[in-house]
Amino acid sequence: MSTESGMNQFDNRRRRLLVAGGLYVSGGVFAGVARAGSSETNAQAPREMQIHKVRELGLEIWVENQPPWRTELQRGAHPTFIAEAPEAHHPPAVMSYSSWPKERVAEGAFATMARTAITRASQNFGLNVAASRALTILPAKHASLSGHEADFVGTVQGVAMDVRIFVGQEKGRFPVVLTLYTRKGKIHHLEQHVRRAWGRLAYL
């Protein structure tokens, strides 16, 4: 379906972003700042987060603001929102968000579509066909979105990277693709970042 072909274009652009920077705020992106403290444990101070209402994606996206992550909306045939950790951040990391607002996938067909999309997207990170088909793809949930997710080691510009890809949707809404990548062996350092960002993703 068109969702899968769009993902291929999306992933090819995204692979270059670990070394890309800059801030791009379009007329379709409204940014605010909020404290994300309601679900923090007593041992953790509330974290300040950027809130981006991205009309092109039909999503409200929360981004780290302590320190501020750089954000960019890539326009084109299929817009993609990028959040990139600052240079001093350890480990370096990039989160990507894409969606298909005009698509609707029946609940019964969604698992197959999500698994196929993740398999094909992993090949853009250097996995061969056999390795991509052997991925462990598990059910996952972030915020109100249910879907499937895979973690694997891929490559970006010849450098080994930990990669996580999630494909999900809220019942009756459109599919969303979330991607995170960082240096090999470092993804476990970003679990709280994932919880704060992906855990608050919402449809507009």
N, C-alpha and C. Protein backbone atom coordinates (compact mmCIF):
# COMPACT_ATOMS: atom_id res chain seq x y z
N MET A 1 0.85 -1.18 0.00
CA MET A 1 0.00 0.00 0.00
C MET A 1 0.88 1.22 0.00
N SER A 2 0.28 2.40 -0.12
CA SER A 2 1.06 3.63 -0.23
C SER A 2 1.82 3.93 1.06
N THR A 3 1.34 3.44 2.21
CA THR A 3 2.04 3.65 3.46
C THR A 3 3.45 3.11 3.40
N GLU A 4 3.61 1.92 2.83
CA GLU A 4 4.92 1.28 2.79
C GLU A 4 5.86 2.01 1.85
N SER A 5 5.38 2.43 0.68
CA SER A 5 6.25 3.14 -0.25
C SER A 5 6.66 4.48 0.32
N GLY A 6 5.75 5.12 1.04
CA GLY A 6 6.10 6.38 1.68
C GLY A 6 7.15 6.20 2.74
N MET A 7 7.09 5.08 3.47
CA MET A 7 8.09 4.80 4.50
C MET A 7 9.47 4.68 3.91
N ASN A 8 9.59 4.07 2.74
CA ASN A 8 10.91 3.93 2.13
C ASN A 8 11.54 5.29 1.86
N GLN A 9 10.76 6.25 1.33
CA GLN A 9 11.27 7.58 1.09
C GLN A 9 11.62 8.25 2.41
N PHE A 10 10.79 8.08 3.39
CA PHE A 10 10.99 8.65 4.72
C PHE A 10 12.29 8.16 5.33
N ASP A 11 12.54 6.86 5.29
CA ASP A 11 13.74 6.30 5.91
C ASP A 11 15.00 6.72 5.18
N ASN A 12 14.97 6.82 3.86
CA ASN A 12 16.15 7.26 3.13
C ASN A 12 16.56 8.67 3.54
N ARG A 13 15.58 9.56 3.75
CA ARG A 13 15.91 10.91 4.20
C ARG A 13 16.45 10.88 5.62
N ARG A 14 15.82 10.10 6.48
CA ARG A 14 16.14 10.10 7.90
C ARG A 14 17.55 9.62 8.19
N ARG A 15 18.09 8.71 7.38
CA ARG A 15 19.40 8.13 7.65
C ARG A 15 20.50 9.18 7.67
N ARG A 16 20.28 10.33 7.02
CA ARG A 16 21.31 11.35 6.94
C ARG A 16 21.27 12.30 8.13
N LEU A 17 20.34 12.13 9.05
CA LEU A 17 20.08 13.18 10.01
C LEU A 17 20.93 13.14 11.27
N LEU A 18 21.72 12.11 11.48
CA LEU A 18 22.53 12.08 12.70
C LEU A 18 23.54 13.20 12.71
N VAL A 19 24.00 13.62 11.53
CA VAL A 19 24.97 14.70 11.46
C VAL A 19 24.33 16.00 11.00
N ALA A 20 23.02 15.97 10.72
CA ALA A 20 22.33 17.18 10.27
C ALA A 20 21.83 17.95 11.48
N GLY A 21 21.68 19.25 11.34
CA GLY A 21 21.21 20.04 12.46
C GLY A 21 20.29 21.13 11.99
N GLY A 22 20.15 22.15 12.81
CA GLY A 22 19.36 23.31 12.45
C GLY A 22 17.95 23.25 13.00
N LEU A 23 17.34 24.38 13.11
CA LEU A 23 15.98 24.50 13.60
C LEU A 23 15.11 25.03 12.49
N TYR A 24 14.02 24.34 12.21
CA TYR A 24 13.12 24.78 11.16
C TYR A 24 11.71 24.75 11.71
N VAL A 25 11.10 25.88 11.85
CA VAL A 25 9.72 25.95 12.34
C VAL A 25 8.86 26.55 11.24
N SER A 26 7.97 25.76 10.71
CA SER A 26 7.14 26.21 9.60
C SER A 26 5.87 26.83 10.12
N GLY A 27 5.11 27.38 9.20
CA GLY A 27 3.83 27.95 9.59
C GLY A 27 2.86 26.90 10.09
N GLY A 28 3.13 25.64 9.79
CA GLY A 28 2.24 24.57 10.24
C GLY A 28 2.64 23.98 11.57
N VAL A 29 3.70 24.49 12.20
CA VAL A 29 4.17 23.95 13.46
C VAL A 29 4.05 25.02 14.53
N PHE A 30 3.30 24.74 15.56
CA PHE A 30 3.16 25.66 16.68
C PHE A 30 3.83 25.02 17.88
N ALA A 31 4.81 25.73 18.43
CA ALA A 31 5.59 25.16 19.53
C ALA A 31 5.24 25.82 20.85
N GLY A 32 5.20 25.03 21.91
CA GLY A 32 5.01 25.54 23.26
C GLY A 32 5.92 24.78 24.19
N VAL A 33 5.89 25.12 25.46
CA VAL A 33 6.72 24.45 26.46
C VAL A 33 5.84 24.06 27.63
N ALA A 34 6.07 22.85 28.15
CA ALA A 34 5.30 22.40 29.31
C ALA A 34 6.19 21.57 30.21
N ARG A 35 5.77 21.44 31.45
CA ARG A 35 6.45 20.57 32.40
C ARG A 35 5.82 19.19 32.32
N ALA A 36 6.68 18.18 32.13
CA ALA A 36 6.20 16.79 32.06
C ALA A 36 6.52 16.13 33.38
N GLY A 37 5.65 16.35 34.37
CA GLY A 37 5.96 15.84 35.69
C GLY A 37 4.92 14.92 36.28
N SER A 38 3.75 14.82 35.65
CA SER A 38 2.66 14.08 36.27
C SER A 38 2.97 12.60 36.42
N SER A 39 3.78 12.03 35.52
CA SER A 39 4.05 10.60 35.60
C SER A 39 5.48 10.31 36.03
N GLU A 40 6.23 11.35 36.44
CA GLU A 40 7.59 11.13 36.91
C GLU A 40 7.53 10.50 38.31
N THR A 41 8.55 9.74 38.67
CA THR A 41 8.63 9.18 40.00
C THR A 41 9.06 10.27 40.96
N ASN A 42 8.95 10.00 42.26
CA ASN A 42 9.34 10.97 43.27
C ASN A 42 10.82 11.31 43.19
N ALA A 43 11.62 10.37 42.66
CA ALA A 43 13.06 10.58 42.59
C ALA A 43 13.46 11.43 41.41
N GLN A 44 12.53 11.74 40.52
CA GLN A 44 12.84 12.47 39.31
C GLN A 44 12.15 13.83 39.33
N ALA A 45 12.92 14.88 39.00
CA ALA A 45 12.33 16.20 38.89
C ALA A 45 11.53 16.29 37.60
N PRO A 46 10.47 17.10 37.59
CA PRO A 46 9.72 17.30 36.34
C PRO A 46 10.63 17.79 35.23
N ARG A 47 10.39 17.34 34.03
CA ARG A 47 11.20 17.72 32.87
C ARG A 47 10.44 18.70 32.01
N GLU A 48 11.15 19.73 31.56
CA GLU A 48 10.55 20.69 30.65
C GLU A 48 10.58 20.11 29.24
N MET A 49 9.45 20.16 28.55
CA MET A 49 9.33 19.58 27.23
C MET A 49 8.78 20.61 26.24
N GLN A 50 9.28 20.54 25.01
CA GLN A 50 8.67 21.30 23.92
C GLN A 50 7.42 20.57 23.45
N ILE A 51 6.41 21.32 23.06
CA ILE A 51 5.21 20.71 22.48
C ILE A 51 5.02 21.30 21.09
N HIS A 52 5.03 20.44 20.08
CA HIS A 52 4.87 20.87 18.69
C HIS A 52 3.56 20.31 18.14
N LYS A 53 2.68 21.19 17.71
CA LYS A 53 1.44 20.77 17.06
C LYS A 53 1.69 20.84 15.56
N VAL A 54 1.90 19.69 14.95
CA VAL A 54 2.33 19.63 13.56
C VAL A 54 1.13 19.29 12.68
N ARG A 55 0.58 20.31 12.04
CA ARG A 55 -0.64 20.11 11.24
C ARG A 55 -0.39 19.14 10.10
N GLU A 56 0.81 19.23 9.48
CA GLU A 56 1.10 18.38 8.33
C GLU A 56 1.03 16.89 8.69
N LEU A 57 1.35 16.55 9.92
CA LEU A 57 1.31 15.16 10.36
C LEU A 57 0.04 14.83 11.14
N GLY A 58 -0.71 15.87 11.54
CA GLY A 58 -1.89 15.64 12.36
C GLY A 58 -1.55 15.14 13.74
N LEU A 59 -0.39 15.57 14.26
CA LEU A 59 0.11 15.04 15.53
C LEU A 59 0.56 16.16 16.47
N GLU A 60 0.42 15.92 17.76
CA GLU A 60 1.06 16.73 18.79
C GLU A 60 2.26 15.94 19.29
N ILE A 61 3.45 16.54 19.15
CA ILE A 61 4.70 15.84 19.42
C ILE A 61 5.43 16.53 20.57
N TRP A 62 5.83 15.75 21.57
CA TRP A 62 6.59 16.26 22.71
C TRP A 62 8.07 15.98 22.50
N VAL A 63 8.89 17.01 22.75
CA VAL A 63 10.33 16.92 22.49
C VAL A 63 11.09 17.42 23.72
N GLU A 64 12.22 16.79 24.02
CA GLU A 64 13.05 17.19 25.14
C GLU A 64 13.43 18.68 25.06
N ASN A 65 13.44 19.34 26.23
CA ASN A 65 13.85 20.74 26.27
C ASN A 65 14.88 21.02 27.36
N GLN A 66 15.41 19.98 27.99
CA GLN A 66 16.45 20.12 29.01
C GLN A 66 17.55 19.10 28.76
N PRO A 67 18.53 19.40 27.92
CA PRO A 67 18.67 20.60 27.08
C PRO A 67 17.75 20.51 25.85
N PRO A 68 17.56 21.63 25.15
CA PRO A 68 16.65 21.62 23.99
C PRO A 68 17.17 20.74 22.86
N TRP A 69 16.33 19.86 22.35
CA TRP A 69 16.64 19.12 21.13
C TRP A 69 16.28 19.99 19.93
N ARG A 70 17.06 19.85 18.87
CA ARG A 70 16.77 20.57 17.63
C ARG A 70 15.63 19.87 16.90
N THR A 71 14.78 20.65 16.28
CA THR A 71 13.66 20.07 15.54
C THR A 71 13.64 20.61 14.13
N GLU A 72 13.09 19.80 13.25
CA GLU A 72 12.99 20.17 11.84
C GLU A 72 11.78 19.48 11.23
N LEU A 73 11.04 20.21 10.44
CA LEU A 73 9.97 19.61 9.66
C LEU A 73 10.44 19.52 8.22
N GLN A 74 10.64 18.31 7.74
CA GLN A 74 11.06 18.11 6.36
C GLN A 74 9.81 18.01 5.49
N ARG A 75 9.70 18.96 4.58
CA ARG A 75 8.57 18.94 3.66
C ARG A 75 8.89 18.06 2.46
N GLY A 76 7.91 17.93 1.59
CA GLY A 76 8.08 17.10 0.41
C GLY A 76 6.82 16.31 0.18
N ALA A 77 6.96 15.24 -0.59
CA ALA A 77 5.79 14.41 -0.88
C ALA A 77 5.20 13.83 0.39
N HIS A 78 6.09 13.56 1.37
CA HIS A 78 5.61 13.01 2.63
C HIS A 78 6.38 13.69 3.77
N PRO A 79 5.76 14.64 4.49
CA PRO A 79 6.47 15.36 5.55
C PRO A 79 6.94 14.45 6.68
N THR A 80 8.07 14.80 7.25
CA THR A 80 8.65 14.07 8.36
C THR A 80 9.14 15.07 9.40
N PHE A 81 8.81 14.83 10.66
CA PHE A 81 9.26 15.68 11.75
C PHE A 81 10.44 15.00 12.43
N ILE A 82 11.51 15.76 12.62
CA ILE A 82 12.74 15.23 13.18
C ILE A 82 13.06 15.94 14.49
N ALA A 83 13.45 15.20 15.51
CA ALA A 83 13.97 15.75 16.76
C ALA A 83 15.34 15.14 16.99
N GLU A 84 16.35 16.00 17.12
CA GLU A 84 17.73 15.54 17.23
C GLU A 84 18.37 16.08 18.51
N ALA A 85 19.02 15.20 19.25
CA ALA A 85 19.70 15.61 20.48
C ALA A 85 20.82 16.58 20.15
N PRO A 86 21.11 17.55 21.05
CA PRO A 86 22.21 18.48 20.81
C PRO A 86 23.55 17.77 20.80
N GLU A 87 24.56 18.45 20.26
CA GLU A 87 25.86 17.81 20.08
C GLU A 87 26.46 17.30 21.38
N ALA A 88 26.24 17.99 22.49
CA ALA A 88 26.83 17.60 23.77
C ALA A 88 26.07 16.47 24.45
N HIS A 89 24.94 16.07 23.90
CA HIS A 89 24.11 15.05 24.53
C HIS A 89 24.75 13.67 24.39
N HIS A 90 24.69 12.88 25.45
CA HIS A 90 25.17 11.50 25.39
C HIS A 90 24.04 10.56 25.78
N PRO A 91 23.75 9.58 24.91
CA PRO A 91 24.35 9.38 23.60
C PRO A 91 23.67 10.26 22.54
N PRO A 92 24.31 10.45 21.37
CA PRO A 92 23.64 11.16 20.28
C PRO A 92 22.39 10.37 19.87
N ALA A 93 21.36 11.08 19.47
CA ALA A 93 20.11 10.38 19.16
C ALA A 93 19.27 11.20 18.20
N VAL A 94 18.50 10.50 17.39
CA VAL A 94 17.55 11.12 16.48
C VAL A 94 16.22 10.38 16.60
N MET A 95 15.14 11.15 16.75
CA MET A 95 13.79 10.59 16.70
C MET A 95 13.09 11.15 15.47
N SER A 96 12.36 10.30 14.78
CA SER A 96 11.64 10.70 13.58
C SER A 96 10.16 10.34 13.72
N TYR A 97 9.33 11.20 13.17
CA TYR A 97 7.88 11.00 13.23
C TYR A 97 7.29 11.17 11.84
N SER A 98 6.46 10.24 11.44
CA SER A 98 5.78 10.33 10.15
C SER A 98 4.38 9.74 10.30
N SER A 99 3.48 10.16 9.44
CA SER A 99 2.11 9.67 9.53
C SER A 99 1.46 9.68 8.16
N TRP A 100 0.31 9.02 8.08
CA TRP A 100 -0.45 8.92 6.84
C TRP A 100 -1.89 9.33 7.12
N PRO A 101 -2.15 10.66 7.27
CA PRO A 101 -3.47 11.12 7.70
C PRO A 101 -4.63 10.69 6.82
N LYS A 102 -4.38 10.43 5.54
CA LYS A 102 -5.46 10.05 4.63
C LYS A 102 -5.69 8.54 4.57
N GLU A 103 -4.84 7.78 5.25
CA GLU A 103 -4.96 6.32 5.22
C GLU A 103 -5.78 5.81 6.39
N ARG A 104 -6.49 4.73 6.17
CA ARG A 104 -7.15 4.00 7.24
C ARG A 104 -6.89 2.53 7.02
N VAL A 105 -6.39 1.86 8.04
CA VAL A 105 -6.09 0.44 7.95
C VAL A 105 -6.99 -0.30 8.92
N ALA A 106 -7.72 -1.27 8.44
CA ALA A 106 -8.62 -2.05 9.29
C ALA A 106 -7.82 -2.75 10.39
N GLU A 107 -8.43 -2.86 11.56
CA GLU A 107 -7.75 -3.48 12.69
C GLU A 107 -7.24 -4.87 12.34
N GLY A 108 -8.02 -5.63 11.61
CA GLY A 108 -7.63 -6.99 11.29
C GLY A 108 -6.44 -7.09 10.35
N ALA A 109 -6.20 -6.02 9.59
CA ALA A 109 -5.09 -6.02 8.63
C ALA A 109 -3.87 -5.27 9.13
N PHE A 110 -4.02 -4.59 10.27
CA PHE A 110 -2.95 -3.69 10.69
C PHE A 110 -1.68 -4.41 11.10
N ALA A 111 -1.79 -5.51 11.80
CA ALA A 111 -0.59 -6.22 12.27
C ALA A 111 0.28 -6.64 11.09
N THR A 112 -0.33 -7.17 10.04
CA THR A 112 0.43 -7.59 8.87
C THR A 112 1.09 -6.39 8.20
N MET A 113 0.34 -5.29 8.06
CA MET A 113 0.90 -4.10 7.45
C MET A 113 2.09 -3.57 8.26
N ALA A 114 1.92 -3.51 9.58
CA ALA A 114 2.98 -2.97 10.44
C ALA A 114 4.24 -3.82 10.37
N ARG A 115 4.08 -5.12 10.42
CA ARG A 115 5.24 -6.01 10.35
C ARG A 115 5.95 -5.89 9.00
N THR A 116 5.18 -5.79 7.93
CA THR A 116 5.78 -5.64 6.60
C THR A 116 6.51 -4.30 6.49
N ALA A 117 5.91 -3.24 7.02
CA ALA A 117 6.54 -1.92 6.96
C ALA A 117 7.84 -1.89 7.75
N ILE A 118 7.86 -2.50 8.94
CA ILE A 118 9.08 -2.54 9.75
C ILE A 118 10.16 -3.34 9.05
N THR A 119 9.79 -4.47 8.46
CA THR A 119 10.76 -5.31 7.75
C THR A 119 11.40 -4.54 6.61
N ARG A 120 10.58 -3.86 5.83
CA ARG A 120 11.12 -3.11 4.69
C ARG A 120 11.95 -1.91 5.14
N ALA A 121 11.48 -1.22 6.19
CA ALA A 121 12.22 -0.05 6.67
C ALA A 121 13.59 -0.46 7.22
N SER A 122 13.68 -1.62 7.84
CA SER A 122 14.97 -2.05 8.40
C SER A 122 16.03 -2.24 7.32
N GLN A 123 15.59 -2.53 6.10
CA GLN A 123 16.55 -2.69 5.01
C GLN A 123 17.21 -1.36 4.64
N ASN A 124 16.55 -0.25 4.94
CA ASN A 124 17.16 1.05 4.73
C ASN A 124 18.26 1.34 5.75
N PHE A 125 18.32 0.54 6.79
CA PHE A 125 19.38 0.66 7.79
C PHE A 125 20.43 -0.44 7.60
N GLY A 126 20.52 -1.00 6.41
CA GLY A 126 21.60 -1.91 6.08
C GLY A 126 21.32 -3.39 6.27
N LEU A 127 20.15 -3.76 6.77
CA LEU A 127 19.85 -5.18 6.91
C LEU A 127 19.54 -5.79 5.55
N ASN A 128 20.04 -7.00 5.33
CA ASN A 128 19.68 -7.68 4.09
C ASN A 128 18.30 -8.30 4.25
N VAL A 129 17.79 -8.87 3.18
CA VAL A 129 16.42 -9.39 3.21
C VAL A 129 16.26 -10.47 4.26
N ALA A 130 17.24 -11.39 4.33
CA ALA A 130 17.14 -12.48 5.30
C ALA A 130 17.13 -11.95 6.73
N ALA A 131 18.02 -10.99 7.02
CA ALA A 131 18.10 -10.44 8.38
C ALA A 131 16.84 -9.67 8.72
N SER A 132 16.29 -8.94 7.77
CA SER A 132 15.09 -8.17 8.04
C SER A 132 13.89 -9.08 8.31
N ARG A 133 13.83 -10.19 7.61
CA ARG A 133 12.73 -11.12 7.83
C ARG A 133 12.87 -11.88 9.14
N ALA A 134 14.08 -11.92 9.67
CA ALA A 134 14.33 -12.63 10.93
C ALA A 134 14.17 -11.74 12.16
N LEU A 135 13.83 -10.47 11.95
CA LEU A 135 13.67 -9.55 13.08
C LEU A 135 12.62 -10.05 14.07
N THR A 136 12.86 -9.78 15.34
CA THR A 136 11.85 -10.01 16.36
C THR A 136 10.96 -8.78 16.43
N ILE A 137 9.74 -8.90 15.96
CA ILE A 137 8.79 -7.79 15.93
C ILE A 137 7.69 -8.11 16.93
N LEU A 138 7.55 -7.24 17.91
CA LEU A 138 6.64 -7.52 19.03
C LEU A 138 5.52 -6.49 19.11
N PRO A 139 4.38 -6.89 19.68
CA PRO A 139 3.32 -5.90 19.94
C PRO A 139 3.85 -4.83 20.89
N ALA A 140 3.43 -3.59 20.68
CA ALA A 140 3.89 -2.48 21.52
C ALA A 140 2.81 -1.42 21.58
N LYS A 141 2.91 -0.56 22.58
CA LYS A 141 1.94 0.53 22.75
C LYS A 141 2.67 1.76 23.25
N HIS A 142 2.40 2.90 22.62
CA HIS A 142 2.91 4.19 23.06
C HIS A 142 1.75 5.18 23.06
N ALA A 143 1.53 5.80 24.22
CA ALA A 143 0.38 6.70 24.38
C ALA A 143 -0.89 5.93 23.98
N SER A 144 -1.71 6.50 23.09
CA SER A 144 -2.95 5.83 22.69
C SER A 144 -2.77 4.94 21.47
N LEU A 145 -1.54 4.82 20.98
CA LEU A 145 -1.28 4.06 19.76
C LEU A 145 -0.85 2.63 20.09
N SER A 146 -1.50 1.69 19.46
CA SER A 146 -1.11 0.29 19.57
C SER A 146 -0.57 -0.17 18.24
N GLY A 147 0.45 -1.03 18.29
CA GLY A 147 1.04 -1.50 17.04
C GLY A 147 2.12 -2.51 17.28
N HIS A 148 3.18 -2.41 16.48
CA HIS A 148 4.28 -3.36 16.56
C HIS A 148 5.60 -2.59 16.53
N GLU A 149 6.64 -3.23 17.09
CA GLU A 149 7.93 -2.54 17.27
C GLU A 149 9.06 -3.54 17.15
N ALA A 150 10.21 -3.07 16.67
CA ALA A 150 11.40 -3.90 16.58
C ALA A 150 12.63 -3.08 16.94
N ASP A 151 13.54 -3.69 17.67
CA ASP A 151 14.87 -3.14 17.95
C ASP A 151 15.89 -3.99 17.21
N PHE A 152 16.89 -3.33 16.62
CA PHE A 152 17.93 -4.07 15.92
C PHE A 152 19.15 -3.17 15.75
N VAL A 153 20.25 -3.77 15.34
CA VAL A 153 21.47 -3.02 15.04
C VAL A 153 21.55 -2.85 13.53
N GLY A 154 21.57 -1.61 13.10
CA GLY A 154 21.70 -1.29 11.68
C GLY A 154 22.90 -0.39 11.46
N THR A 155 22.94 0.25 10.31
CA THR A 155 24.03 1.17 10.01
C THR A 155 23.48 2.48 9.46
N VAL A 156 24.13 3.58 9.81
CA VAL A 156 23.83 4.90 9.28
C VAL A 156 25.15 5.50 8.84
N GLN A 157 25.29 5.77 7.56
CA GLN A 157 26.53 6.31 7.01
C GLN A 157 27.73 5.45 7.40
N GLY A 158 27.52 4.13 7.40
CA GLY A 158 28.60 3.20 7.69
C GLY A 158 28.89 2.98 9.16
N VAL A 159 28.15 3.64 10.06
CA VAL A 159 28.37 3.52 11.50
C VAL A 159 27.27 2.63 12.09
N ALA A 160 27.66 1.68 12.95
CA ALA A 160 26.69 0.79 13.58
C ALA A 160 25.80 1.57 14.54
N MET A 161 24.51 1.36 14.44
CA MET A 161 23.53 2.08 15.24
C MET A 161 22.49 1.13 15.83
N ASP A 162 22.07 1.41 17.07
CA ASP A 162 20.87 0.80 17.60
C ASP A 162 19.68 1.51 16.99
N VAL A 163 18.71 0.75 16.51
CA VAL A 163 17.54 1.33 15.85
C VAL A 163 16.27 0.74 16.47
N ARG A 164 15.29 1.58 16.67
CA ARG A 164 13.96 1.12 17.09
C ARG A 164 12.93 1.71 16.13
N ILE A 165 12.05 0.87 15.62
CA ILE A 165 10.98 1.32 14.74
C ILE A 165 9.65 0.85 15.30
N PHE A 166 8.71 1.78 15.43
CA PHE A 166 7.36 1.46 15.89
C PHE A 166 6.37 1.90 14.82
N VAL A 167 5.43 1.04 14.50
CA VAL A 167 4.33 1.37 13.60
C VAL A 167 3.04 1.10 14.35
N GLY A 168 2.24 2.16 14.53
CA GLY A 168 1.03 1.98 15.31
C GLY A 168 -0.06 2.95 14.91
N GLN A 169 -1.22 2.77 15.52
CA GLN A 169 -2.34 3.67 15.28
C GLN A 169 -3.33 3.54 16.42
N GLU A 170 -4.12 4.58 16.61
CA GLU A 170 -5.26 4.51 17.51
C GLU A 170 -6.43 3.99 16.70
N LYS A 171 -7.29 3.22 17.32
CA LYS A 171 -8.42 2.63 16.61
C LYS A 171 -9.21 3.72 15.90
N GLY A 172 -9.44 3.51 14.61
CA GLY A 172 -10.20 4.45 13.81
C GLY A 172 -9.42 5.64 13.29
N ARG A 173 -8.12 5.73 13.64
CA ARG A 173 -7.30 6.84 13.19
C ARG A 173 -6.25 6.34 12.19
N PHE A 174 -5.35 7.22 11.79
CA PHE A 174 -4.38 6.88 10.74
C PHE A 174 -3.08 6.33 11.32
N PRO A 175 -2.30 5.61 10.48
CA PRO A 175 -1.05 5.01 10.94
C PRO A 175 0.03 6.06 11.21
N VAL A 176 0.88 5.74 12.18
CA VAL A 176 1.99 6.60 12.58
C VAL A 176 3.24 5.75 12.68
N VAL A 177 4.37 6.30 12.24
CA VAL A 177 5.66 5.61 12.33
C VAL A 177 6.59 6.44 13.20
N LEU A 178 7.16 5.81 14.21
CA LEU A 178 8.13 6.44 15.11
C LEU A 178 9.45 5.70 15.00
N THR A 179 10.53 6.44 14.90
CA THR A 179 11.84 5.81 14.79
C THR A 179 12.83 6.51 15.70
N LEU A 180 13.67 5.72 16.33
CA LEU A 180 14.77 6.22 17.14
C LEU A 180 16.04 5.52 16.71
N TYR A 181 17.12 6.28 16.59
CA TYR A 181 18.41 5.61 16.44
C TYR A 181 19.50 6.35 17.19
N THR A 182 20.48 5.57 17.65
CA THR A 182 21.58 6.07 18.45
C THR A 182 22.78 5.14 18.27
N ARG A 183 23.89 5.46 18.91
CA ARG A 183 25.08 4.63 18.78
C ARG A 183 24.82 3.21 19.28
N LYS A 184 25.48 2.26 18.66
CA LYS A 184 25.32 0.85 19.03
C LYS A 184 25.60 0.65 20.52
N GLY A 185 24.70 -0.06 21.18
CA GLY A 185 24.87 -0.36 22.59
C GLY A 185 24.37 0.72 23.54
N LYS A 186 23.77 1.80 23.00
CA LYS A 186 23.39 2.93 23.84
C LYS A 186 21.89 3.14 23.96
N ILE A 187 21.09 2.34 23.30
CA ILE A 187 19.66 2.64 23.26
C ILE A 187 19.02 2.56 24.64
N HIS A 188 19.59 1.74 25.53
CA HIS A 188 19.00 1.62 26.86
C HIS A 188 19.11 2.93 27.65
N HIS A 189 20.05 3.80 27.27
CA HIS A 189 20.18 5.10 27.92
C HIS A 189 19.03 6.04 27.55
N LEU A 190 18.24 5.68 26.56
CA LEU A 190 17.20 6.58 26.04
C LEU A 190 15.78 6.13 26.38
N GLU A 191 15.64 5.14 27.24
CA GLU A 191 14.30 4.64 27.55
C GLU A 191 13.42 5.71 28.18
N GLN A 192 13.98 6.55 29.05
CA GLN A 192 13.17 7.61 29.65
C GLN A 192 12.81 8.68 28.62
N HIS A 193 13.72 8.94 27.67
CA HIS A 193 13.42 9.88 26.59
C HIS A 193 12.24 9.36 25.76
N VAL A 194 12.26 8.07 25.47
CA VAL A 194 11.18 7.46 24.71
C VAL A 194 9.86 7.57 25.48
N ARG A 195 9.92 7.30 26.78
CA ARG A 195 8.70 7.37 27.59
C ARG A 195 8.14 8.80 27.59
N ARG A 196 9.01 9.79 27.74
CA ARG A 196 8.53 11.17 27.81
C ARG A 196 8.01 11.66 26.46
N ALA A 197 8.64 11.23 25.37
CA ALA A 197 8.26 11.72 24.04
C ALA A 197 7.16 10.86 23.41
N TRP A 198 7.46 9.60 23.17
CA TRP A 198 6.48 8.73 22.52
C TRP A 198 5.27 8.49 23.42
N GLY A 199 5.50 8.51 24.73
CA GLY A 199 4.41 8.25 25.66
C GLY A 199 3.39 9.37 25.75
N ARG A 200 3.69 10.53 25.14
CA ARG A 200 2.76 11.64 25.17
C ARG A 200 2.29 12.05 23.77
N LEU A 201 2.66 11.28 22.78
CA LEU A 201 2.23 11.57 21.42
C LEU A 201 0.71 11.55 21.33
N ALA A 202 0.15 12.49 20.59
CA ALA A 202 -1.31 12.55 20.47
C ALA A 202 -1.71 13.03 19.08
N TYR A 203 -2.89 12.60 18.65
CA TYR A 203 -3.48 13.11 17.42
C TYR A 203 -4.03 14.51 17.67
N LEU A 204 -3.96 15.37 16.69
CA LEU A 204 -4.58 16.69 16.79
C LEU A 204 -6.10 16.59 16.64
